[in-house]
């Protein structure tokens, strides 16, 4: 029984005979690019900024799945904070964000935009805000959340991850029989 998805069929020649060969790949391809490589963070990093008496703490870290994003959020969020806004990106088409009570589009989207602009993948950023008593307005919130996220990602050490795809060759059973038949025809073998 074979595991994998057939990718191509080929024909090779053994002893003048044409032998069909199937090539299969197993494992998941990277969602980040066709080449299977992506850039992510090496470690969790944080940046703190005070804007009009509100404290913003951006915490960025590498993630591998939606489940690891939820785990990261549960580890870094502060229930005493006014807001725990976040965004993450896993591959080209899987990203989410949350304003966590801030006006719609003023926190999660700017965080997400900063992640997309950074070129990083499989990354989550949580920005914790402690309200300082002065309202920033929608424009101020967008600049604050996007700015602290950008600053955090710029200072973070990153690494290039190259994914691999396992390739298996499946040769039709008569190739093995042909191989053993050829061995017995050689001089000095047990078959002569």
Protein backbone atom coordinates (compact mmCIF):
# COMPACT_ATOMS: atom_id res chain seq x y z
CA UNK A 1 0.00 0.00 0.00
CA UNK A 2 1.44 3.35 -0.91
CA UNK A 3 1.05 6.63 0.89
CA UNK A 4 1.28 9.87 -1.01
CA UNK A 5 -0.19 11.57 -3.98
CA UNK A 6 1.07 10.68 -7.44
CA UNK A 7 2.85 13.67 -8.90
CA UNK A 8 4.21 12.28 -12.13
CA UNK A 9 4.64 9.14 -14.13
CA UNK A 10 7.90 8.43 -15.88
CA UNK A 11 9.49 5.69 -17.90
CA UNK A 12 13.02 4.47 -17.28
CA UNK A 13 15.03 1.95 -19.25
CA UNK A 14 16.56 -1.10 -17.55
CA UNK A 15 18.45 -3.56 -19.71
CA UNK A 16 16.81 -2.22 -22.85
CA UNK A 17 13.30 -2.59 -21.40
CA UNK A 18 11.08 0.41 -20.70
CA UNK A 19 9.82 0.34 -17.11
CA UNK A 20 7.01 2.60 -15.82
CA UNK A 21 7.83 4.47 -12.61
CA UNK A 22 5.45 6.53 -10.48
CA UNK A 23 6.77 9.48 -8.49
CA UNK A 24 4.78 10.52 -5.43
CA UNK A 25 5.14 13.30 -2.90
CA UNK A 26 4.03 13.11 0.68
CA UNK A 27 3.67 15.78 3.31
CA UNK A 28 2.13 19.21 3.07
CA UNK A 29 3.54 21.92 0.89
CA UNK A 30 4.25 25.29 2.40
CA UNK A 31 1.38 27.71 2.12
CA UNK A 32 3.84 30.59 1.98
CA UNK A 33 5.21 30.13 -1.50
CA UNK A 34 5.64 27.70 -4.32
CA UNK A 35 9.29 27.21 -3.39
CA UNK A 36 8.31 25.83 0.02
CA UNK A 37 10.36 28.31 2.02
CA UNK A 38 9.30 31.17 4.28
CA UNK A 39 10.77 33.68 6.73
CA UNK A 40 9.59 33.62 10.32
CA UNK A 41 10.72 34.75 13.76
CA UNK A 42 13.47 32.88 15.62
CA UNK A 43 12.01 33.69 19.03
CA UNK A 44 9.38 35.65 20.91
CA UNK A 45 10.15 39.37 21.18
CA UNK A 46 8.39 42.38 22.67
CA UNK A 47 8.44 46.17 22.36
CA UNK A 48 6.83 48.64 24.74
CA UNK A 49 5.68 52.15 23.80
CA UNK A 50 3.82 54.85 25.70
CA UNK A 51 1.49 57.03 23.65
CA UNK A 52 -0.56 59.73 25.43
CA UNK A 53 -0.33 57.92 28.77
CA UNK A 54 -1.53 54.61 27.27
CA UNK A 55 0.98 51.77 27.41
CA UNK A 56 1.20 49.53 24.31
CA UNK A 57 3.16 46.28 24.55
CA UNK A 58 3.61 44.33 21.29
CA UNK A 59 4.58 40.68 21.69
CA UNK A 60 5.48 38.77 18.53
CA UNK A 61 6.27 35.09 18.20
CA UNK A 62 6.50 32.25 15.70
CA UNK A 63 3.47 29.97 15.27
CA UNK A 64 2.80 26.93 13.13
CA UNK A 65 -0.98 26.52 13.17
CA UNK A 66 -4.22 28.07 14.35
CA UNK A 67 -3.98 25.95 17.50
CA UNK A 68 -0.48 27.26 18.28
CA UNK A 69 -1.78 30.81 17.69
CA UNK A 70 -4.54 30.25 20.26
CA UNK A 71 -1.99 28.83 22.69
CA UNK A 72 0.35 31.81 22.15
CA UNK A 73 -2.53 34.22 22.77
CA UNK A 74 -3.54 32.46 25.99
CA UNK A 75 0.07 32.60 27.24
CA UNK A 76 0.72 36.31 26.59
CA UNK A 77 -2.66 38.00 27.05
CA UNK A 78 -3.20 40.01 30.21
CA UNK A 79 -6.76 39.90 31.58
CA UNK A 80 -6.05 43.10 33.56
CA UNK A 81 -5.30 45.06 30.36
CA UNK A 82 -7.87 47.27 28.64
CA UNK A 83 -7.39 45.41 25.34
CA UNK A 84 -5.48 42.38 24.00
CA UNK A 85 -5.61 42.94 20.23
CA UNK A 86 -3.94 40.51 17.87
CA UNK A 87 -3.33 39.26 14.35
CA UNK A 88 -1.54 36.31 12.80
CA UNK A 89 -0.50 35.02 9.40
CA UNK A 90 0.01 31.40 8.38
CA UNK A 91 0.71 31.08 4.67
CA UNK A 92 -0.61 33.25 1.88
CA UNK A 93 -4.31 32.78 2.56
CA UNK A 94 -4.71 32.15 6.29
CA UNK A 95 -4.72 35.21 8.50
CA UNK A 96 -6.99 36.50 11.25
CA UNK A 97 -7.19 39.50 13.54
CA UNK A 98 -9.15 40.87 16.49
CA UNK A 99 -9.83 44.41 17.76
CA UNK A 100 -10.78 43.07 21.24
CA UNK A 101 -13.20 45.87 22.03
CA UNK A 102 -11.39 48.72 20.26
CA UNK A 103 -13.41 50.47 17.51
CA UNK A 104 -13.73 48.23 14.45
CA UNK A 105 -10.67 48.23 12.20
CA UNK A 106 -8.48 50.32 14.54
CA UNK A 107 -6.35 47.58 16.13
CA UNK A 108 -6.45 44.11 14.51
CA UNK A 109 -6.24 45.37 10.92
CA UNK A 110 -3.22 47.66 11.54
CA UNK A 111 -1.44 44.80 13.33
CA UNK A 112 -2.25 42.49 10.42
CA UNK A 113 -1.10 45.09 7.90
CA UNK A 114 2.25 45.44 9.69
CA UNK A 115 2.71 41.65 9.63
CA UNK A 116 1.95 41.52 5.90
CA UNK A 117 4.34 44.43 5.22
CA UNK A 118 7.14 42.72 7.14
CA UNK A 119 7.27 39.75 4.75
CA UNK A 120 7.19 37.33 7.69
CA UNK A 121 5.05 34.20 7.77
CA UNK A 122 3.75 31.96 10.55
CA UNK A 123 3.85 34.87 12.95
CA UNK A 124 1.46 36.18 15.60
CA UNK A 125 1.52 39.60 17.24
CA UNK A 126 -0.49 40.44 20.35
CA UNK A 127 -0.63 44.12 21.36
CA UNK A 128 -1.65 44.69 24.96
CA UNK A 129 -3.01 48.15 25.77
CA UNK A 130 -3.32 49.68 29.21
CA UNK A 131 -5.58 52.73 28.82
CA UNK A 132 -4.01 55.89 30.23
CA UNK A 133 -7.12 58.08 30.36
CA UNK A 134 -6.64 60.00 27.09
CA UNK A 135 -8.62 58.90 24.02
CA UNK A 136 -6.51 58.58 20.88
CA UNK A 137 -9.28 58.66 18.26
CA UNK A 138 -9.52 56.17 15.42
CA UNK A 139 -6.53 57.55 13.51
CA UNK A 140 -4.42 57.60 16.65
CA UNK A 141 -5.33 54.00 17.45
CA UNK A 142 -4.46 52.85 13.93
CA UNK A 143 -1.06 54.59 14.13
CA UNK A 144 -0.39 53.29 17.65
CA UNK A 145 -1.24 49.63 17.00
CA UNK A 146 0.39 49.55 13.56
CA UNK A 147 3.46 51.46 14.74
CA UNK A 148 4.22 49.37 17.81
CA UNK A 149 3.76 46.19 15.74
CA UNK A 150 6.13 47.45 13.01
CA UNK A 151 8.73 48.42 15.63
CA UNK A 152 8.46 45.00 17.25
CA UNK A 153 8.85 43.08 13.97
CA UNK A 154 11.79 45.26 12.84
CA UNK A 155 13.77 44.43 15.98
CA UNK A 156 12.90 40.71 15.93
CA UNK A 157 15.51 38.20 14.74
CA UNK A 158 14.18 36.17 11.81
CA UNK A 159 15.18 33.01 9.99
CA UNK A 160 14.54 31.40 6.62
CA UNK A 161 12.80 28.03 6.86
CA UNK A 162 13.02 25.73 3.88
CA UNK A 163 10.34 23.07 3.70
CA UNK A 164 11.07 19.74 2.14
CA UNK A 165 8.82 17.39 0.25
CA UNK A 166 9.54 13.69 0.54
CA UNK A 167 9.62 11.97 -2.82
CA UNK A 168 9.09 8.25 -3.24
CA UNK A 169 9.61 6.17 -6.36
CA UNK A 170 7.30 3.26 -6.93
CA UNK A 171 8.54 0.74 -9.46
CA UNK A 172 6.22 -1.86 -10.85
CA UNK A 173 6.89 -5.31 -9.32
CA UNK A 174 8.24 -6.90 -12.49
CA UNK A 175 11.28 -4.59 -12.29
CA UNK A 176 12.36 -6.43 -9.13
CA UNK A 177 11.83 -9.76 -10.88
CA UNK A 178 13.87 -8.51 -13.85
CA UNK A 179 16.68 -7.44 -11.50
CA UNK A 180 16.87 -10.89 -9.87
CA UNK A 181 16.72 -12.60 -13.27
CA UNK A 182 19.68 -10.53 -14.46
CA UNK A 183 21.69 -11.46 -11.33
CA UNK A 184 21.28 -15.18 -12.05
CA UNK A 185 22.47 -14.71 -15.63
CA UNK A 186 25.79 -13.17 -14.55
CA UNK A 187 28.86 -15.46 -14.62
CA UNK A 188 29.91 -16.62 -11.16
CA UNK A 189 26.45 -16.25 -9.66
CA UNK A 190 24.60 -19.16 -8.09
CA UNK A 191 22.29 -19.36 -11.06
CA UNK A 192 25.00 -20.56 -13.56
